[in-house]
């Protein structure tokens, strides 16, 4: 019987709604799945045939430690998704790689930790004169932490936010706020082993009055993805595979899309590290994912 670790974090215990249905689906297929925290030093990761990242949601605050852990586990077991994917995707600078390969991405400007916050912000605003609002966020983040929405008139408040991030040695990013999200929300398309599984609608999360560091409550519902959305999602996945020289499809992926002012889908995020997969909104999806995991372990000769 293959052994599979479903990875969370000590701080995320009880917060991951996907873990229980996935654990049950894995056990039903004969996989010996166990929930383990990435930051539990007592875990012997080499005892597992595969280690599946699910909810290590504190990684952005412990980024160097987390990357070092990934590298150690990659040497001891089989990481899903693979270590090169996790390293690339855990920093949102990957959006520039996708854009360079022709993927329609929400326009993004990156500011390095050695950047000058106010001039960088003014340059961004000048380049996006039609943007009534915009977003400041770190390039390494999870759960909307340290992410804030601003109006153009809040230039100095936004520059102060940007300065705080840079002073902490963190790279940051600036994006126009696409107003369609307030009406239509985001579409998140979930894929298993390269194939489309299901989609959900995420309501708009960022309000200008939100305090920083608060994890916004997500409003989720099932959604039928449009053909144009599925096409863009596939484009993003193919671009990621080409960029990383992958020989096999990704075990799991979530592509978050927002429509622009012309109604065209744009990639907001490509989640290949620790995305929620929203099993509760797609009956049978946990079982489909467990089947993919079972087949991956079988083809690798594990167990």
Protein backbone atom coordinates (compact mmCIF):
# COMPACT_ATOMS: atom_id res chain seq x y z
CA UNK A 1 0.00 0.00 0.00
CA UNK A 2 1.46 3.37 -1.06
CA UNK A 3 1.94 6.01 1.62
CA UNK A 4 0.92 9.57 0.85
CA UNK A 5 1.46 12.63 3.05
CA UNK A 6 -1.14 15.39 2.74
CA UNK A 7 0.77 18.47 3.83
CA UNK A 8 -0.71 21.27 5.91
CA UNK A 9 0.88 23.52 8.56
CA UNK A 10 0.59 23.54 12.32
CA UNK A 11 -0.97 27.01 12.05
CA UNK A 12 -3.46 25.80 9.40
CA UNK A 13 -4.86 22.91 11.42
CA UNK A 14 -8.62 22.74 10.94
CA UNK A 15 -8.70 25.51 8.30
CA UNK A 16 -8.46 23.37 5.15
CA UNK A 17 -11.92 22.22 4.09
CA UNK A 18 -10.43 20.06 1.33
CA UNK A 19 -8.42 17.77 3.60
CA UNK A 20 -11.19 15.58 5.03
CA UNK A 21 -12.85 14.70 1.69
CA UNK A 22 -9.49 14.11 0.04
CA UNK A 23 -8.29 11.91 2.90
CA UNK A 24 -11.48 9.85 2.69
CA UNK A 25 -11.24 9.52 -1.11
CA UNK A 26 -7.59 8.42 -0.91
CA UNK A 27 -8.30 5.82 1.76
CA UNK A 28 -11.22 4.50 -0.29
CA UNK A 29 -8.80 3.83 -3.16
CA UNK A 30 -6.37 1.98 -0.93
CA UNK A 31 -3.89 4.82 -0.52
CA UNK A 32 -2.46 5.10 2.96
CA UNK A 33 -2.89 8.84 3.25
CA UNK A 34 -1.93 10.77 6.37
CA UNK A 35 -2.21 14.47 7.21
CA UNK A 36 1.14 15.95 8.23
CA UNK A 37 2.40 19.48 8.92
CA UNK A 38 5.37 20.71 6.94
CA UNK A 39 6.76 22.41 10.05
CA UNK A 40 6.50 19.37 12.32
CA UNK A 41 10.14 18.36 12.88
CA UNK A 42 9.15 14.85 14.01
CA UNK A 43 7.91 13.78 10.54
CA UNK A 44 10.17 11.40 8.61
CA UNK A 45 9.30 12.40 5.05
CA UNK A 46 11.35 9.61 3.48
CA UNK A 47 8.77 7.14 4.77
CA UNK A 48 6.24 8.46 2.24
CA UNK A 49 6.08 7.50 -1.41
CA UNK A 50 4.72 10.97 -2.24
CA UNK A 51 4.28 14.25 -0.39
CA UNK A 52 1.33 16.36 -1.60
CA UNK A 53 1.24 20.04 -0.65
CA UNK A 54 -2.23 21.10 0.37
CA UNK A 55 -2.34 23.88 2.97
CA UNK A 56 1.09 25.05 4.17
CA UNK A 57 -0.51 28.47 4.30
CA UNK A 58 2.02 30.13 6.57
CA UNK A 59 4.85 29.66 4.08
CA UNK A 60 4.94 33.27 2.91
CA UNK A 61 5.95 34.44 6.39
CA UNK A 62 8.66 31.73 6.54
CA UNK A 63 9.63 31.65 2.90
CA UNK A 64 13.30 30.74 3.17
CA UNK A 65 12.54 28.03 5.70
CA UNK A 66 9.75 26.67 3.49
CA UNK A 67 11.92 26.51 0.35
CA UNK A 68 14.64 24.72 2.29
CA UNK A 69 12.06 22.22 3.53
CA UNK A 70 10.80 21.62 -0.04
CA UNK A 71 14.33 20.93 -1.22
CA UNK A 72 14.96 18.46 1.61
CA UNK A 73 11.71 16.62 1.01
CA UNK A 74 12.33 16.52 -2.73
CA UNK A 75 15.56 14.62 -2.02
CA UNK A 76 13.78 12.21 0.32
CA UNK A 77 10.46 11.56 -1.46
CA UNK A 78 8.34 12.64 -4.44
CA UNK A 79 6.95 16.16 -4.11
CA UNK A 80 3.63 16.98 -5.77
CA UNK A 81 3.78 19.29 -7.53
CA UNK A 82 7.52 18.88 -8.25
CA UNK A 83 10.11 21.02 -6.48
CA UNK A 84 11.03 23.17 -9.55
CA UNK A 85 7.33 23.99 -9.98
CA UNK A 86 6.92 24.97 -6.33
CA UNK A 87 10.05 27.13 -6.35
CA UNK A 88 8.91 28.99 -9.48
CA UNK A 89 5.24 29.33 -8.59
CA UNK A 90 5.60 30.43 -4.96
CA UNK A 91 6.81 33.87 -6.13
CA UNK A 92 4.32 35.76 -8.29
CA UNK A 93 7.06 36.99 -10.59
CA UNK A 94 6.04 33.90 -12.57
CA UNK A 95 3.33 36.14 -14.08
CA UNK A 96 6.03 37.87 -16.12
CA UNK A 97 7.10 34.50 -17.53
CA UNK A 98 3.51 33.72 -18.54
CA UNK A 99 3.05 37.14 -20.15
CA UNK A 100 6.29 36.69 -22.09
CA UNK A 101 4.82 33.50 -23.54
CA UNK A 102 1.69 35.26 -24.74
CA UNK A 103 -0.67 34.38 -21.89
CA UNK A 104 -3.19 37.18 -21.22
CA UNK A 105 -2.23 38.26 -17.70
CA UNK A 106 -3.55 41.10 -15.54
CA UNK A 107 -1.00 43.90 -16.22
CA UNK A 108 1.64 43.74 -13.49
CA UNK A 109 4.60 45.91 -12.53
CA UNK A 110 7.19 44.46 -10.16
CA UNK A 111 9.20 46.51 -7.67
CA UNK A 112 12.36 44.99 -6.23
CA UNK A 113 13.29 45.34 -2.57
CA UNK A 114 15.90 47.94 -3.58
CA UNK A 115 13.34 50.02 -5.50
CA UNK A 116 12.17 53.57 -4.70
CA UNK A 117 8.49 53.22 -3.74
CA UNK A 118 6.92 56.56 -4.70
CA UNK A 119 8.62 56.92 -8.11
CA UNK A 120 7.83 53.27 -8.88
CA UNK A 121 4.18 53.81 -8.02
CA UNK A 122 3.96 57.06 -10.00
CA UNK A 123 5.49 55.36 -13.02
CA UNK A 124 2.92 52.57 -12.75
CA UNK A 125 0.01 55.01 -12.45
CA UNK A 126 1.24 56.98 -15.46
CA UNK A 127 1.39 53.77 -17.49
CA UNK A 128 -2.19 52.89 -16.47
CA UNK A 129 -3.93 56.23 -16.72
CA UNK A 130 -7.35 54.58 -17.15
CA UNK A 131 -7.10 52.58 -13.92
CA UNK A 132 -9.36 54.19 -11.31
CA UNK A 133 -8.10 51.77 -8.67
CA UNK A 134 -5.09 49.54 -8.21
CA UNK A 135 -3.67 46.84 -5.95
CA UNK A 136 -0.42 46.63 -3.99
CA UNK A 137 0.77 43.21 -2.85
CA UNK A 138 3.96 41.31 -2.08
CA UNK A 139 5.19 38.86 -4.71
CA UNK A 140 5.28 36.12 -2.05
CA UNK A 141 1.95 35.94 -0.24
CA UNK A 142 -0.96 33.68 0.56
CA UNK A 143 -4.56 34.37 1.49
CA UNK A 144 -4.47 38.08 0.50
CA UNK A 145 -2.05 38.87 3.32
CA UNK A 146 -0.46 42.32 2.96
CA UNK A 147 -2.61 42.97 -0.12
CA UNK A 148 -4.55 46.21 -0.43
CA UNK A 149 -6.78 47.98 -2.93
CA UNK A 150 -6.38 51.74 -3.43
CA UNK A 151 -7.97 54.58 -5.37
CA UNK A 152 -5.69 56.82 -7.43
CA UNK A 153 -6.22 59.59 -4.87
CA UNK A 154 -4.61 57.36 -2.23
CA UNK A 155 -1.21 57.53 -3.90
CA UNK A 156 0.74 58.39 -0.74
CA UNK A 157 -1.00 55.76 1.41
CA UNK A 158 -0.21 53.18 -1.29
CA UNK A 159 3.40 54.37 -1.48
CA UNK A 160 3.70 53.94 2.29
CA UNK A 161 2.35 50.40 1.98
CA UNK A 162 4.83 49.70 -0.79
CA UNK A 163 7.65 51.17 1.30
CA UNK A 164 6.79 48.90 4.24
CA UNK A 165 7.04 45.83 2.03
CA UNK A 166 10.35 46.94 0.52
CA UNK A 167 11.77 47.86 3.94
CA UNK A 168 11.08 44.27 5.01
CA UNK A 169 13.23 43.09 2.11
CA UNK A 170 10.22 41.85 0.14
CA UNK A 171 9.59 42.37 -3.56
CA UNK A 172 6.21 43.86 -4.42
CA UNK A 173 3.84 44.11 -7.35
CA UNK A 174 1.31 46.63 -8.65
CA UNK A 175 -1.78 45.80 -10.71
CA UNK A 176 -4.79 47.75 -11.99
CA UNK A 177 -7.93 46.74 -10.12
CA UNK A 178 -10.27 45.24 -12.73
CA UNK A 179 -13.74 46.53 -11.86
CA UNK A 180 -15.51 43.55 -13.48
CA UNK A 181 -14.57 41.45 -10.46
CA UNK A 182 -17.03 43.42 -8.32
CA UNK A 183 -19.84 42.33 -10.62
CA UNK A 184 -18.74 38.93 -11.89
CA UNK A 185 -16.16 37.77 -9.36
CA UNK A 186 -13.22 35.57 -10.34
CA UNK A 187 -13.43 32.23 -12.10
CA UNK A 188 -11.12 29.58 -10.67
CA UNK A 189 -10.58 26.59 -12.98
CA UNK A 190 -9.25 23.45 -11.31
CA UNK A 191 -7.27 20.86 -13.27
CA UNK A 192 -6.05 17.39 -12.31
CA UNK A 193 -3.27 15.72 -14.31
CA UNK A 194 -3.61 18.37 -16.99
CA UNK A 195 -7.35 17.85 -17.48
CA UNK A 196 -10.14 20.25 -16.51
CA UNK A 197 -12.13 19.09 -13.48
CA UNK A 198 -14.43 21.89 -12.31
CA UNK A 199 -14.75 25.63 -11.79
CA UNK A 200 -15.97 27.90 -9.05
CA UNK A 201 -16.84 31.57 -8.69
CA UNK A 202 -14.98 33.60 -6.08
CA UNK A 203 -16.60 36.86 -5.03
CA UNK A 204 -14.54 40.04 -4.88
CA UNK A 205 -12.40 40.00 -1.73
CA UNK A 206 -10.53 43.30 -1.65
CA UNK A 207 -12.30 46.33 -0.24
CA UNK A 208 -10.51 49.65 0.13
CA UNK A 209 -11.34 49.79 3.82
CA UNK A 210 -9.81 46.36 4.55
CA UNK A 211 -7.04 46.38 7.12
CA UNK A 212 -3.82 44.76 6.05
CA UNK A 213 -2.98 41.20 7.12
CA UNK A 214 -6.60 40.11 7.43
CA UNK A 215 -7.56 36.93 5.62
CA UNK A 216 -10.74 37.90 3.81
CA UNK A 217 -13.70 35.53 3.92
CA UNK A 218 -14.19 34.00 0.49
CA UNK A 219 -17.66 33.79 -1.07
CA UNK A 220 -17.60 30.66 -3.21
CA UNK A 221 -20.13 29.06 -5.55
CA UNK A 222 -20.00 26.52 -8.36
CA UNK A 223 -19.61 28.04 -11.84
CA UNK A 224 -19.71 26.82 -15.42
CA UNK A 225 -16.48 27.99 -17.01
CA UNK A 226 -16.78 29.66 -20.41
CA UNK A 227 -14.96 28.27 -23.41
CA UNK A 228 -12.78 31.36 -23.57
CA UNK A 229 -11.86 30.89 -19.91
CA UNK A 230 -10.98 27.24 -20.45
CA UNK A 231 -8.84 28.21 -23.45
CA UNK A 232 -6.90 30.82 -21.46
CA UNK A 233 -6.44 28.42 -18.55
CA UNK A 234 -5.02 25.76 -20.86
CA UNK A 235 -2.73 28.36 -22.45
CA UNK A 236 -1.40 29.26 -19.00
CA UNK A 237 -0.80 25.62 -18.07
CA UNK A 238 0.97 24.90 -21.35
CA UNK A 239 3.12 28.01 -20.94
CA UNK A 240 4.11 26.94 -17.43
CA UNK A 241 5.01 23.46 -18.62
CA UNK A 242 7.12 24.90 -21.44
CA UNK A 243 8.83 27.39 -19.12
CA UNK A 244 9.71 24.63 -16.64
CA UNK A 245 10.49 21.97 -19.25
CA UNK A 246 8.02 19.54 -17.68
CA UNK A 247 7.65 16.10 -19.22
CA UNK A 248 4.42 15.19 -17.39
CA UNK A 249 1.18 17.06 -16.66
CA UNK A 250 0.88 18.74 -13.29
CA UNK A 251 -0.92 16.68 -10.66
CA UNK A 252 -3.03 19.70 -9.73
CA UNK A 253 -3.44 23.29 -10.84
CA UNK A 254 -5.85 26.16 -10.33
CA UNK A 255 -6.08 29.07 -12.74
CA UNK A 256 -7.76 32.22 -11.40
CA UNK A 257 -9.21 34.51 -14.07
CA UNK A 258 -10.81 37.97 -14.11
CA UNK A 259 -12.42 39.61 -17.13
CA UNK A 260 -11.02 42.94 -18.26
CA UNK A 261 -12.94 46.02 -19.43
CA UNK A 262 -13.41 44.37 -22.84
CA UNK A 263 -14.80 41.22 -21.25
CA UNK A 264 -11.73 39.10 -22.03
CA UNK A 265 -10.38 36.68 -19.41
CA UNK A 266 -7.04 37.59 -17.85
CA UNK A 267 -4.92 35.41 -15.58
CA UNK A 268 -4.80 36.82 -12.07
CA UNK A 269 -2.93 33.86 -10.58
CA UNK A 270 -1.76 30.42 -11.60
CA UNK A 271 -1.84 28.37 -8.39
CA UNK A 272 0.46 25.33 -8.50
CA UNK A 273 1.73 25.27 -4.93
CA UNK A 274 -1.02 25.13 -2.28
CA UNK A 275 -4.37 26.14 -3.79
CA UNK A 276 -7.74 25.33 -2.31
CA UNK A 277 -9.49 22.98 -4.74
CA UNK A 278 -13.07 23.49 -3.51
CA UNK A 279 -14.18 19.85 -3.47
CA UNK A 280 -17.41 20.80 -1.66
CA UNK A 281 -18.61 22.69 -4.75
CA UNK A 282 -18.02 19.86 -7.24
CA UNK A 283 -19.40 16.44 -6.28
CA UNK A 284 -16.96 13.68 -7.20
CA UNK A 285 -13.97 16.00 -7.55
CA UNK A 286 -12.13 14.65 -4.49
CA UNK A 287 -12.56 11.15 -5.88
CA UNK A 288 -11.23 12.27 -9.29
CA UNK A 289 -8.16 13.75 -7.66
CA UNK A 290 -7.61 10.63 -5.54
CA UNK A 291 -7.71 8.55 -8.74
CA UNK A 292 -5.04 10.79 -10.28
CA UNK A 293 -2.86 10.40 -7.19
CA UNK A 294 -3.35 6.63 -7.20
CA UNK A 295 -2.34 6.43 -10.87
CA UNK A 296 0.70 8.67 -10.33
CA UNK A 297 1.94 6.48 -7.50
CA UNK A 298 1.30 3.31 -9.48
CA UNK A 299 3.14 4.51 -12.58
CA UNK A 300 6.11 5.64 -10.50
CA UNK A 301 6.45 2.17 -9.06
CA UNK A 302 5.75 3.39 -5.55
CA UNK A 303 4.52 0.90 -2.96
